[in-house]
N, C-alpha and C. Protein backbone atom coordinates (compact mmCIF):
# COMPACT_ATOMS: atom_id res chain seq x y z
N MET A 1 11.61 10.89 -15.48
CA MET A 1 10.90 12.03 -14.92
C MET A 1 9.40 11.92 -15.15
N LYS A 2 9.01 11.30 -16.29
CA LYS A 2 7.59 11.17 -16.60
C LYS A 2 6.87 10.32 -15.57
N LYS A 3 7.53 9.26 -15.07
CA LYS A 3 6.86 8.38 -14.11
C LYS A 3 6.61 9.11 -12.80
N TYR A 4 7.55 9.99 -12.38
CA TYR A 4 7.34 10.74 -11.15
C TYR A 4 6.23 11.76 -11.34
N SER A 5 6.12 12.36 -12.51
CA SER A 5 5.06 13.31 -12.79
C SER A 5 3.70 12.63 -12.71
N ALA A 6 3.62 11.40 -13.21
CA ALA A 6 2.35 10.66 -13.16
C ALA A 6 1.94 10.40 -11.72
N ILE A 7 2.91 10.05 -10.86
CA ILE A 7 2.60 9.81 -9.45
C ILE A 7 2.08 11.08 -8.79
N PHE A 8 2.75 12.21 -9.05
CA PHE A 8 2.32 13.47 -8.43
C PHE A 8 0.94 13.89 -8.93
N LEU A 9 0.64 13.66 -10.20
CA LEU A 9 -0.67 13.99 -10.74
C LEU A 9 -1.76 13.14 -10.12
N PHE A 10 -1.46 11.88 -9.87
CA PHE A 10 -2.44 10.99 -9.24
C PHE A 10 -2.74 11.44 -7.82
N ILE A 11 -1.69 11.79 -7.06
CA ILE A 11 -1.87 12.28 -5.70
C ILE A 11 -2.68 13.56 -5.70
N TYR A 12 -2.39 14.46 -6.66
CA TYR A 12 -3.12 15.73 -6.74
C TYR A 12 -4.59 15.49 -7.03
N ALA A 13 -4.89 14.51 -7.90
CA ALA A 13 -6.28 14.23 -8.24
C ALA A 13 -7.06 13.75 -7.03
N ILE A 14 -6.44 12.87 -6.23
CA ILE A 14 -7.10 12.39 -5.02
C ILE A 14 -7.31 13.53 -4.04
N ASN A 15 -6.28 14.36 -3.87
CA ASN A 15 -6.36 15.48 -2.95
C ASN A 15 -7.47 16.46 -3.37
N PHE A 16 -7.60 16.71 -4.69
CA PHE A 16 -8.64 17.61 -5.19
C PHE A 16 -10.01 17.03 -4.91
N HIS A 17 -10.16 15.72 -5.11
CA HIS A 17 -11.45 15.08 -4.86
C HIS A 17 -11.83 15.17 -3.39
N VAL A 18 -10.86 14.97 -2.51
CA VAL A 18 -11.12 15.04 -1.08
C VAL A 18 -11.52 16.46 -0.67
N GLN A 19 -10.84 17.46 -1.20
CA GLN A 19 -11.13 18.83 -0.83
C GLN A 19 -12.48 19.29 -1.35
N SER A 20 -13.02 18.60 -2.33
CA SER A 20 -14.31 18.99 -2.89
C SER A 20 -15.48 18.53 -2.04
N GLN A 21 -15.22 17.76 -0.99
CA GLN A 21 -16.29 17.31 -0.12
C GLN A 21 -16.88 18.50 0.63
N THR A 22 -18.15 18.40 1.00
CA THR A 22 -18.85 19.54 1.59
C THR A 22 -18.46 19.79 3.03
N ASN A 23 -17.94 18.80 3.75
CA ASN A 23 -17.50 19.03 5.11
C ASN A 23 -16.36 18.12 5.46
N ASP A 24 -15.68 18.44 6.57
CA ASP A 24 -14.48 17.70 6.95
C ASP A 24 -14.78 16.27 7.33
N HIS A 25 -15.95 16.04 7.93
CA HIS A 25 -16.24 14.71 8.44
C HIS A 25 -16.46 13.70 7.31
N SER A 26 -16.86 14.15 6.13
CA SER A 26 -17.11 13.22 5.03
C SER A 26 -15.82 12.50 4.63
N PHE A 27 -14.68 13.19 4.70
CA PHE A 27 -13.41 12.55 4.37
C PHE A 27 -13.07 11.46 5.39
N LEU A 28 -13.19 11.78 6.67
CA LEU A 28 -12.87 10.80 7.71
C LEU A 28 -13.83 9.63 7.68
N ASN A 29 -15.08 9.88 7.32
CA ASN A 29 -16.06 8.80 7.27
C ASN A 29 -15.76 7.81 6.16
N LYS A 30 -15.02 8.23 5.15
CA LYS A 30 -14.72 7.37 4.02
C LYS A 30 -13.28 6.87 4.01
N THR A 31 -12.50 7.24 5.02
CA THR A 31 -11.08 6.91 5.03
C THR A 31 -10.71 6.03 6.20
N GLU A 32 -9.90 5.03 5.93
CA GLU A 32 -9.31 4.20 6.98
C GLU A 32 -7.80 4.24 6.82
N PHE A 33 -7.12 4.26 7.95
CA PHE A 33 -5.66 4.27 7.96
C PHE A 33 -5.17 2.90 8.40
N LYS A 34 -3.98 2.53 7.91
CA LYS A 34 -3.49 1.19 8.21
C LYS A 34 -2.01 1.22 8.54
N ILE A 35 -1.61 0.29 9.37
CA ILE A 35 -0.21 0.15 9.76
C ILE A 35 0.08 -1.33 9.94
N GLY A 36 1.25 -1.76 9.50
CA GLY A 36 1.55 -3.17 9.64
C GLY A 36 2.95 -3.55 9.22
N TYR A 37 3.20 -4.84 9.29
CA TYR A 37 4.48 -5.43 8.92
C TYR A 37 4.58 -5.53 7.40
N TYR A 38 5.80 -5.32 6.89
CA TYR A 38 6.06 -5.49 5.47
C TYR A 38 7.39 -6.22 5.31
N GLY A 39 7.43 -7.29 4.55
CA GLY A 39 8.69 -7.99 4.32
C GLY A 39 8.45 -9.41 3.85
N ASN A 40 9.50 -10.21 3.89
CA ASN A 40 9.38 -11.60 3.45
C ASN A 40 9.77 -12.59 4.55
N LEU A 41 9.91 -12.10 5.78
CA LEU A 41 10.19 -12.93 6.97
C LEU A 41 11.61 -13.48 7.00
N LEU A 42 12.40 -13.29 5.95
CA LEU A 42 13.75 -13.84 5.90
C LEU A 42 14.80 -12.74 6.02
N TRP A 43 15.05 -12.02 4.92
CA TRP A 43 16.11 -11.02 4.94
C TRP A 43 15.59 -9.59 4.80
N ASP A 44 14.30 -9.44 4.52
CA ASP A 44 13.76 -8.12 4.25
C ASP A 44 12.56 -7.89 5.16
N ASN A 45 12.70 -7.00 6.14
CA ASN A 45 11.63 -6.76 7.11
C ASN A 45 11.49 -5.27 7.39
N GLY A 46 10.24 -4.84 7.56
CA GLY A 46 10.04 -3.42 7.80
C GLY A 46 8.62 -3.08 8.18
N LEU A 47 8.28 -1.81 8.00
CA LEU A 47 7.00 -1.25 8.43
C LEU A 47 6.32 -0.57 7.26
N ASN A 48 4.99 -0.66 7.22
CA ASN A 48 4.22 -0.05 6.15
C ASN A 48 3.07 0.77 6.72
N LEU A 49 2.89 2.00 6.22
CA LEU A 49 1.80 2.89 6.62
C LEU A 49 0.98 3.22 5.39
N GLY A 50 -0.33 3.40 5.56
CA GLY A 50 -1.13 3.71 4.40
C GLY A 50 -2.52 4.21 4.74
N ALA A 51 -3.29 4.48 3.70
CA ALA A 51 -4.66 4.95 3.85
C ALA A 51 -5.49 4.42 2.69
N GLU A 52 -6.78 4.20 2.98
CA GLU A 52 -7.73 3.73 1.98
C GLU A 52 -8.94 4.66 1.98
N TYR A 53 -9.30 5.16 0.81
CA TYR A 53 -10.43 6.09 0.69
C TYR A 53 -11.53 5.43 -0.14
N LEU A 54 -12.73 5.31 0.46
CA LEU A 54 -13.84 4.64 -0.21
C LEU A 54 -14.34 5.45 -1.39
N TRP A 55 -14.31 4.84 -2.57
CA TRP A 55 -14.77 5.49 -3.79
C TRP A 55 -16.19 5.06 -4.13
N LYS A 56 -16.40 3.75 -4.24
CA LYS A 56 -17.72 3.24 -4.57
C LYS A 56 -18.04 2.02 -3.69
N GLU A 57 -19.33 1.85 -3.41
CA GLU A 57 -19.77 0.71 -2.60
C GLU A 57 -21.12 0.22 -3.10
N LYS A 58 -21.25 -1.10 -3.17
CA LYS A 58 -22.50 -1.71 -3.60
C LYS A 58 -22.83 -2.86 -2.67
N LYS A 59 -24.09 -2.91 -2.22
CA LYS A 59 -24.55 -3.96 -1.32
C LYS A 59 -25.54 -4.86 -2.04
N ASN A 60 -25.25 -6.16 -2.02
CA ASN A 60 -26.15 -7.14 -2.59
C ASN A 60 -26.83 -7.91 -1.46
N ILE A 61 -28.15 -7.88 -1.43
CA ILE A 61 -28.91 -8.56 -0.38
C ILE A 61 -29.56 -9.80 -0.98
N LYS A 62 -29.25 -10.95 -0.38
CA LYS A 62 -29.80 -12.22 -0.85
C LYS A 62 -30.69 -12.81 0.24
N ASP A 63 -31.85 -13.28 -0.17
CA ASP A 63 -32.79 -13.89 0.77
C ASP A 63 -32.42 -15.35 1.00
N LYS A 64 -32.20 -15.70 2.26
CA LYS A 64 -31.88 -17.06 2.65
C LYS A 64 -32.90 -17.57 3.65
N LYS A 65 -32.85 -18.86 3.91
CA LYS A 65 -33.80 -19.45 4.86
C LYS A 65 -33.64 -18.86 6.26
N LYS A 66 -32.39 -18.52 6.62
CA LYS A 66 -32.13 -17.96 7.94
C LYS A 66 -32.23 -16.43 7.97
N GLY A 67 -32.69 -15.86 6.88
CA GLY A 67 -32.83 -14.41 6.82
C GLY A 67 -31.97 -13.82 5.72
N PRO A 68 -32.13 -12.53 5.45
CA PRO A 68 -31.36 -11.88 4.38
C PRO A 68 -29.87 -11.82 4.70
N LYS A 69 -29.05 -12.02 3.67
CA LYS A 69 -27.61 -11.95 3.79
C LYS A 69 -27.09 -10.81 2.90
N THR A 70 -26.21 -9.99 3.46
CA THR A 70 -25.69 -8.85 2.72
C THR A 70 -24.22 -9.05 2.37
N ILE A 71 -23.92 -8.92 1.09
CA ILE A 71 -22.54 -8.98 0.60
C ILE A 71 -22.18 -7.60 0.07
N VAL A 72 -21.06 -7.06 0.54
CA VAL A 72 -20.64 -5.71 0.20
C VAL A 72 -19.45 -5.75 -0.75
N HIS A 73 -19.55 -5.00 -1.85
CA HIS A 73 -18.43 -4.83 -2.78
C HIS A 73 -17.99 -3.38 -2.73
N GLN A 74 -16.68 -3.17 -2.61
CA GLN A 74 -16.15 -1.81 -2.50
C GLN A 74 -14.98 -1.61 -3.47
N PHE A 75 -14.86 -0.36 -3.94
CA PHE A 75 -13.67 0.09 -4.64
C PHE A 75 -13.09 1.23 -3.83
N LEU A 76 -11.78 1.14 -3.52
CA LEU A 76 -11.13 2.13 -2.67
C LEU A 76 -9.84 2.62 -3.31
N PHE A 77 -9.58 3.93 -3.19
CA PHE A 77 -8.27 4.45 -3.55
C PHE A 77 -7.28 4.07 -2.46
N ASN A 78 -6.09 3.69 -2.87
CA ASN A 78 -5.11 3.15 -1.94
C ASN A 78 -3.78 3.89 -2.06
N GLY A 79 -3.19 4.24 -0.93
CA GLY A 79 -1.87 4.85 -0.91
C GLY A 79 -1.06 4.32 0.25
N SER A 80 0.25 4.15 0.06
CA SER A 80 1.05 3.53 1.11
C SER A 80 2.49 4.03 1.05
N LEU A 81 3.13 3.99 2.22
CA LEU A 81 4.53 4.37 2.35
C LEU A 81 5.19 3.41 3.33
N GLY A 82 6.35 2.88 2.96
CA GLY A 82 6.99 1.90 3.83
C GLY A 82 8.50 1.90 3.72
N TYR A 83 9.12 1.25 4.70
CA TYR A 83 10.58 1.12 4.72
C TYR A 83 10.93 -0.27 5.20
N SER A 84 11.92 -0.87 4.57
CA SER A 84 12.36 -2.21 4.97
C SER A 84 13.88 -2.27 4.98
N THR A 85 14.41 -3.20 5.76
CA THR A 85 15.85 -3.31 5.88
C THR A 85 16.26 -4.75 6.14
N ASN A 86 17.51 -5.05 5.84
CA ASN A 86 18.10 -6.34 6.17
C ASN A 86 18.88 -6.15 7.46
N PHE A 87 18.35 -6.63 8.57
CA PHE A 87 18.98 -6.41 9.86
C PHE A 87 20.32 -7.14 9.99
N ALA A 88 20.51 -8.18 9.17
CA ALA A 88 21.73 -8.98 9.30
C ALA A 88 22.95 -8.26 8.75
N ASN A 89 22.85 -7.71 7.53
CA ASN A 89 24.05 -7.11 6.93
C ASN A 89 23.85 -5.68 6.44
N GLN A 90 22.62 -5.14 6.56
CA GLN A 90 22.34 -3.75 6.20
C GLN A 90 22.67 -3.44 4.73
N THR A 91 22.56 -4.42 3.86
CA THR A 91 22.86 -4.17 2.45
C THR A 91 21.61 -4.06 1.58
N ASP A 92 20.46 -4.31 2.14
CA ASP A 92 19.22 -4.28 1.35
C ASP A 92 18.20 -3.41 2.06
N ASN A 93 18.39 -2.10 2.01
CA ASN A 93 17.48 -1.16 2.63
C ASN A 93 16.70 -0.42 1.55
N GLY A 94 15.43 -0.19 1.79
CA GLY A 94 14.65 0.46 0.75
C GLY A 94 13.44 1.20 1.27
N LEU A 95 13.09 2.26 0.57
CA LEU A 95 11.90 3.06 0.84
C LEU A 95 10.97 2.90 -0.35
N HIS A 96 9.69 2.61 -0.08
CA HIS A 96 8.75 2.42 -1.19
C HIS A 96 7.47 3.19 -0.95
N THR A 97 6.83 3.57 -2.03
CA THR A 97 5.51 4.18 -1.97
C THR A 97 4.74 3.76 -3.21
N TYR A 98 3.43 3.56 -3.06
CA TYR A 98 2.63 3.16 -4.21
C TYR A 98 1.20 3.65 -4.05
N TYR A 99 0.50 3.77 -5.20
CA TYR A 99 -0.85 4.29 -5.23
C TYR A 99 -1.66 3.53 -6.28
N GLY A 100 -2.90 3.24 -5.94
CA GLY A 100 -3.73 2.50 -6.88
C GLY A 100 -5.13 2.29 -6.37
N LEU A 101 -5.69 1.14 -6.72
CA LEU A 101 -7.10 0.86 -6.44
C LEU A 101 -7.24 -0.52 -5.80
N ILE A 102 -8.18 -0.62 -4.86
CA ILE A 102 -8.48 -1.89 -4.18
C ILE A 102 -9.92 -2.28 -4.48
N TRP A 103 -10.13 -3.55 -4.83
CA TRP A 103 -11.48 -4.13 -4.85
C TRP A 103 -11.60 -5.03 -3.64
N ARG A 104 -12.67 -4.86 -2.87
CA ARG A 104 -12.84 -5.64 -1.64
C ARG A 104 -14.26 -6.20 -1.55
N ARG A 105 -14.34 -7.46 -1.15
CA ARG A 105 -15.62 -8.13 -0.93
C ARG A 105 -15.73 -8.53 0.53
N THR A 106 -16.84 -8.17 1.16
CA THR A 106 -17.08 -8.52 2.56
C THR A 106 -18.34 -9.37 2.63
N ASN A 107 -18.22 -10.59 3.19
CA ASN A 107 -19.38 -11.47 3.26
C ASN A 107 -20.16 -11.24 4.55
N PRO A 108 -21.29 -11.91 4.73
CA PRO A 108 -22.12 -11.69 5.93
C PRO A 108 -21.41 -11.99 7.25
N LYS A 109 -20.37 -12.82 7.21
CA LYS A 109 -19.62 -13.13 8.43
C LYS A 109 -18.45 -12.18 8.63
N ARG A 110 -18.40 -11.10 7.83
CA ARG A 110 -17.40 -10.04 7.93
C ARG A 110 -16.01 -10.47 7.46
N ARG A 111 -15.94 -11.61 6.80
CA ARG A 111 -14.67 -12.03 6.20
C ARG A 111 -14.49 -11.28 4.89
N GLN A 112 -13.24 -10.92 4.61
CA GLN A 112 -12.97 -10.08 3.45
C GLN A 112 -11.96 -10.71 2.49
N LEU A 113 -12.18 -10.44 1.23
CA LEU A 113 -11.25 -10.82 0.17
C LEU A 113 -10.97 -9.55 -0.63
N HIS A 114 -9.71 -9.29 -0.94
CA HIS A 114 -9.41 -8.08 -1.67
C HIS A 114 -8.26 -8.28 -2.66
N VAL A 115 -8.30 -7.45 -3.70
CA VAL A 115 -7.29 -7.44 -4.75
C VAL A 115 -6.82 -6.00 -4.93
N GLU A 116 -5.51 -5.80 -4.95
CA GLU A 116 -4.93 -4.47 -5.13
C GLU A 116 -4.22 -4.39 -6.48
N LEU A 117 -4.39 -3.26 -7.13
CA LEU A 117 -3.63 -2.96 -8.34
C LEU A 117 -3.06 -1.56 -8.17
N ASN A 118 -1.74 -1.48 -8.07
CA ASN A 118 -1.06 -0.21 -7.83
C ASN A 118 -0.15 0.12 -9.01
N PRO A 119 -0.66 0.82 -10.04
CA PRO A 119 0.16 1.12 -11.21
C PRO A 119 1.21 2.19 -10.96
N LEU A 120 1.02 2.97 -9.91
CA LEU A 120 1.97 4.03 -9.59
C LEU A 120 2.79 3.61 -8.37
N GLY A 121 4.04 3.28 -8.59
CA GLY A 121 4.89 2.84 -7.50
C GLY A 121 6.32 3.33 -7.66
N TYR A 122 6.98 3.53 -6.54
CA TYR A 122 8.36 4.03 -6.54
C TYR A 122 9.14 3.31 -5.45
N TYR A 123 10.33 2.86 -5.78
CA TYR A 123 11.21 2.20 -4.80
C TYR A 123 12.59 2.84 -4.86
N ARG A 124 13.12 3.17 -3.70
CA ARG A 124 14.46 3.75 -3.60
C ARG A 124 15.31 2.87 -2.70
N SER A 125 16.37 2.32 -3.26
CA SER A 125 17.28 1.50 -2.48
C SER A 125 18.37 2.36 -1.87
N PHE A 126 18.86 1.94 -0.70
CA PHE A 126 19.95 2.64 -0.01
C PHE A 126 21.07 1.65 0.25
N LEU A 127 22.25 1.99 -0.22
CA LEU A 127 23.42 1.13 -0.05
C LEU A 127 24.26 1.60 1.14
N PRO A 128 25.04 0.69 1.74
CA PRO A 128 25.95 1.12 2.81
C PRO A 128 27.06 2.02 2.25
N GLU A 129 28.00 2.39 3.07
CA GLU A 129 29.06 3.31 2.66
C GLU A 129 29.71 2.83 1.36
N THR A 130 29.71 3.71 0.35
CA THR A 130 30.17 3.35 -0.99
C THR A 130 31.19 4.36 -1.49
N PHE A 131 32.22 3.86 -2.18
CA PHE A 131 33.26 4.74 -2.73
C PHE A 131 33.32 4.58 -4.24
N GLU A 132 33.71 5.64 -4.91
CA GLU A 132 33.82 5.65 -6.36
C GLU A 132 35.28 5.91 -6.75
N VAL A 133 35.76 5.13 -7.72
CA VAL A 133 37.15 5.25 -8.17
C VAL A 133 37.16 5.80 -9.58
N LYS A 134 37.84 6.93 -9.76
CA LYS A 134 38.04 7.54 -11.07
C LYS A 134 39.53 7.79 -11.26
N GLY A 135 40.17 6.94 -12.03
CA GLY A 135 41.61 7.05 -12.20
C GLY A 135 42.31 6.77 -10.88
N ASP A 136 43.07 7.76 -10.41
CA ASP A 136 43.75 7.62 -9.13
C ASP A 136 42.96 8.23 -7.97
N ASP A 137 41.79 8.81 -8.27
CA ASP A 137 40.99 9.46 -7.24
C ASP A 137 39.93 8.52 -6.69
N VAL A 138 39.85 8.48 -5.36
CA VAL A 138 38.84 7.69 -4.67
C VAL A 138 37.97 8.65 -3.86
N SER A 139 36.67 8.65 -4.12
CA SER A 139 35.77 9.57 -3.42
C SER A 139 34.55 8.83 -2.88
N LYS A 140 34.01 9.37 -1.83
CA LYS A 140 32.84 8.77 -1.20
C LYS A 140 31.58 9.19 -1.94
N VAL A 141 30.69 8.23 -2.24
CA VAL A 141 29.45 8.50 -2.94
C VAL A 141 28.40 9.00 -1.95
N LYS A 142 27.78 10.12 -2.28
CA LYS A 142 26.72 10.66 -1.43
C LYS A 142 25.39 9.99 -1.76
N PHE A 143 24.68 9.56 -0.74
CA PHE A 143 23.38 8.90 -0.88
C PHE A 143 23.42 7.78 -1.91
N PRO A 144 24.27 6.77 -1.69
CA PRO A 144 24.36 5.68 -2.67
C PRO A 144 23.07 4.87 -2.73
N GLY A 145 22.75 4.43 -3.92
CA GLY A 145 21.54 3.65 -4.11
C GLY A 145 20.95 3.91 -5.48
N ARG A 146 19.74 3.35 -5.71
CA ARG A 146 19.09 3.51 -7.00
C ARG A 146 17.59 3.74 -6.82
N SER A 147 16.98 4.36 -7.82
CA SER A 147 15.53 4.57 -7.83
C SER A 147 14.91 3.70 -8.92
N TYR A 148 13.73 3.17 -8.63
CA TYR A 148 13.05 2.30 -9.58
C TYR A 148 11.57 2.68 -9.69
N TYR A 149 11.04 2.54 -10.87
CA TYR A 149 9.59 2.52 -11.03
C TYR A 149 9.13 1.15 -10.58
N ALA A 150 8.14 1.08 -9.67
CA ALA A 150 7.80 -0.20 -9.04
C ALA A 150 6.30 -0.39 -8.87
N PRO A 151 5.57 -0.66 -9.95
CA PRO A 151 4.15 -0.99 -9.81
C PRO A 151 3.99 -2.32 -9.07
N SER A 152 2.82 -2.56 -8.49
CA SER A 152 2.64 -3.78 -7.71
C SER A 152 1.21 -4.28 -7.81
N ILE A 153 1.06 -5.56 -7.51
CA ILE A 153 -0.25 -6.19 -7.40
C ILE A 153 -0.27 -6.99 -6.11
N ALA A 154 -1.46 -7.21 -5.55
CA ALA A 154 -1.56 -7.96 -4.31
C ALA A 154 -2.93 -8.60 -4.19
N VAL A 155 -2.98 -9.73 -3.53
CA VAL A 155 -4.24 -10.38 -3.16
C VAL A 155 -4.17 -10.64 -1.66
N GLY A 156 -5.33 -10.59 -1.01
CA GLY A 156 -5.29 -10.78 0.43
C GLY A 156 -6.64 -11.11 1.03
N ILE A 157 -6.59 -11.39 2.32
CA ILE A 157 -7.79 -11.68 3.10
C ILE A 157 -7.80 -10.77 4.33
N GLY A 158 -8.91 -10.75 5.02
CA GLY A 158 -9.01 -9.94 6.23
C GLY A 158 -10.34 -10.17 6.91
N ARG A 159 -10.60 -9.35 7.92
CA ARG A 159 -11.86 -9.44 8.65
C ARG A 159 -12.24 -8.06 9.16
N LEU A 160 -13.52 -7.75 9.03
CA LEU A 160 -14.06 -6.46 9.44
C LEU A 160 -14.49 -6.50 10.90
N ARG A 161 -14.24 -5.42 11.64
CA ARG A 161 -14.74 -5.24 13.00
C ARG A 161 -15.68 -4.04 12.98
N LYS A 162 -16.96 -4.28 13.16
CA LYS A 162 -17.94 -3.21 13.04
C LYS A 162 -17.91 -2.29 14.26
N GLU A 163 -18.10 -1.00 13.97
CA GLU A 163 -18.22 0.03 15.00
C GLU A 163 -17.02 0.06 15.94
N LYS A 164 -15.83 -0.22 15.42
CA LYS A 164 -14.62 -0.20 16.22
C LYS A 164 -13.59 0.74 15.58
N ARG A 165 -12.78 1.41 16.44
CA ARG A 165 -11.70 2.23 15.92
C ARG A 165 -10.71 1.37 15.15
N ARG A 166 -10.35 0.23 15.72
CA ARG A 166 -9.52 -0.73 14.99
C ARG A 166 -10.49 -1.57 14.18
N SER A 167 -10.68 -1.18 12.93
CA SER A 167 -11.81 -1.67 12.15
C SER A 167 -11.58 -3.00 11.44
N GLY A 168 -10.37 -3.53 11.52
CA GLY A 168 -10.14 -4.82 10.89
C GLY A 168 -8.67 -5.15 10.73
N TRP A 169 -8.40 -6.38 10.30
CA TRP A 169 -7.03 -6.78 10.02
C TRP A 169 -6.93 -7.25 8.57
N TYR A 170 -5.71 -7.32 8.05
CA TYR A 170 -5.51 -7.75 6.67
C TYR A 170 -4.21 -8.54 6.56
N LEU A 171 -4.18 -9.43 5.59
CA LEU A 171 -2.99 -10.21 5.26
C LEU A 171 -2.88 -10.25 3.75
N ASN A 172 -1.86 -9.60 3.21
CA ASN A 172 -1.68 -9.48 1.76
C ASN A 172 -0.43 -10.22 1.29
N PHE A 173 -0.54 -10.77 0.10
CA PHE A 173 0.61 -11.34 -0.60
C PHE A 173 0.88 -10.42 -1.79
N ASN A 174 2.02 -9.76 -1.76
CA ASN A 174 2.30 -8.67 -2.68
C ASN A 174 3.46 -9.01 -3.62
N CYS A 175 3.35 -8.51 -4.84
CA CYS A 175 4.45 -8.65 -5.79
C CYS A 175 4.67 -7.30 -6.46
N ALA A 176 5.88 -6.74 -6.29
CA ALA A 176 6.25 -5.47 -6.91
C ALA A 176 7.29 -5.73 -7.98
N PHE A 177 7.24 -4.95 -9.03
CA PHE A 177 8.13 -5.12 -10.18
C PHE A 177 9.05 -3.90 -10.27
N ARG A 178 10.33 -4.07 -9.94
CA ARG A 178 11.29 -2.97 -10.01
C ARG A 178 11.90 -2.90 -11.41
N THR A 179 11.81 -1.73 -11.99
CA THR A 179 12.35 -1.55 -13.34
C THR A 179 12.84 -0.11 -13.52
N PRO A 180 13.93 0.10 -14.28
CA PRO A 180 14.76 -0.94 -14.90
C PRO A 180 15.73 -1.54 -13.88
N TYR A 181 15.80 -2.86 -13.82
CA TYR A 181 16.73 -3.55 -12.93
C TYR A 181 17.74 -4.27 -13.79
N ASN A 182 18.98 -3.77 -13.82
CA ASN A 182 19.98 -4.24 -14.77
C ASN A 182 19.40 -4.06 -16.18
N ALA A 183 19.20 -5.15 -16.89
CA ALA A 183 18.65 -5.03 -18.24
C ALA A 183 17.19 -5.46 -18.32
N GLY A 184 16.56 -5.68 -17.15
CA GLY A 184 15.19 -6.17 -17.18
C GLY A 184 14.37 -5.71 -16.00
N VAL A 185 13.57 -6.64 -15.46
CA VAL A 185 12.64 -6.36 -14.38
C VAL A 185 12.89 -7.35 -13.25
N LEU A 186 12.87 -6.86 -12.01
CA LEU A 186 13.01 -7.72 -10.83
C LEU A 186 11.67 -7.81 -10.12
N ALA A 187 11.14 -9.04 -9.97
CA ALA A 187 9.91 -9.27 -9.22
C ALA A 187 10.26 -9.47 -7.75
N ASN A 188 9.69 -8.66 -6.89
CA ASN A 188 9.98 -8.72 -5.46
C ASN A 188 8.72 -9.12 -4.71
N PHE A 189 8.76 -10.27 -4.01
CA PHE A 189 7.58 -10.78 -3.30
C PHE A 189 7.67 -10.44 -1.82
N SER A 190 6.52 -10.11 -1.24
CA SER A 190 6.50 -9.74 0.17
C SER A 190 5.15 -10.08 0.79
N ILE A 191 5.13 -10.03 2.12
CA ILE A 191 3.91 -10.23 2.91
C ILE A 191 3.60 -8.94 3.65
N GLN A 192 2.32 -8.61 3.71
CA GLN A 192 1.88 -7.45 4.48
C GLN A 192 0.81 -7.91 5.46
N TYR A 193 1.07 -7.65 6.73
CA TYR A 193 0.08 -7.99 7.76
C TYR A 193 -0.07 -6.80 8.69
N GLY A 194 -1.31 -6.40 8.93
CA GLY A 194 -1.51 -5.25 9.81
C GLY A 194 -2.97 -5.03 10.14
N HIS A 195 -3.26 -3.83 10.67
CA HIS A 195 -4.61 -3.48 11.09
C HIS A 195 -5.02 -2.15 10.49
N ARG A 196 -6.32 -2.01 10.26
CA ARG A 196 -6.88 -0.76 9.78
C ARG A 196 -7.57 -0.03 10.94
N PHE A 197 -7.55 1.31 10.85
CA PHE A 197 -8.15 2.15 11.89
C PHE A 197 -8.99 3.23 11.21
N ASN A 198 -10.08 3.63 11.89
CA ASN A 198 -10.85 4.75 11.36
C ASN A 198 -11.11 5.75 12.48
N PHE A 199 -11.42 6.98 12.08
CA PHE A 199 -11.69 8.06 13.02
C PHE A 199 -13.03 8.69 12.70
N LYS A 200 -14.01 7.83 12.42
CA LYS A 200 -15.34 8.33 12.13
C LYS A 200 -15.95 9.02 13.34
N LYS A 201 -16.71 10.06 13.06
CA LYS A 201 -17.39 10.77 14.13
C LYS A 201 -18.52 9.90 14.67
N LYS A 202 -18.51 9.67 15.95
CA LYS A 202 -19.54 8.83 16.56
C LYS A 202 -20.87 9.59 16.63
N LYS A 203 -21.92 8.88 16.30
CA LYS A 203 -23.25 9.52 16.32
C LYS A 203 -23.83 9.52 17.74
């Protein structure tokens, strides 16, 4: 129960920070939404939705022979929700959500490198039709499956598209840790590929 309370407190903190902005447009100006593929290309495939809120940004300008070059470093709050399934046998279905922080570097050619750390994560597995046997009684299990605390880390690349609603693409290599899994921890590797979108007010 403590891990779920921590997730809810983190979400509340972000929501409070957003509501403290002086106008509605400031939130949209700092937020990008993302949608993309989530899975491992073999037995686990699905969809992932999320949002990134800009917390801090620093620009480093370096003088070069061809002119000044700007490198941007950003820290962003990150939240995501996704679902994946095994289309072959329907035995590995899961819903996941996670929250954390992203560090992103954008070079002068708009190429991006980023690292995600998501200490707050939750994974819920869904099993096919399941029955429980108690003595001579056989009963159907309602909502079969398990819940896991599932923090994750990821590294990835991408590219920025300036002044566009579809503001860029990303490719992440993700590792989530499901616990408790049996008597230990299960490391689950996945790929995330998708696009980011923004709804900034045009000047």
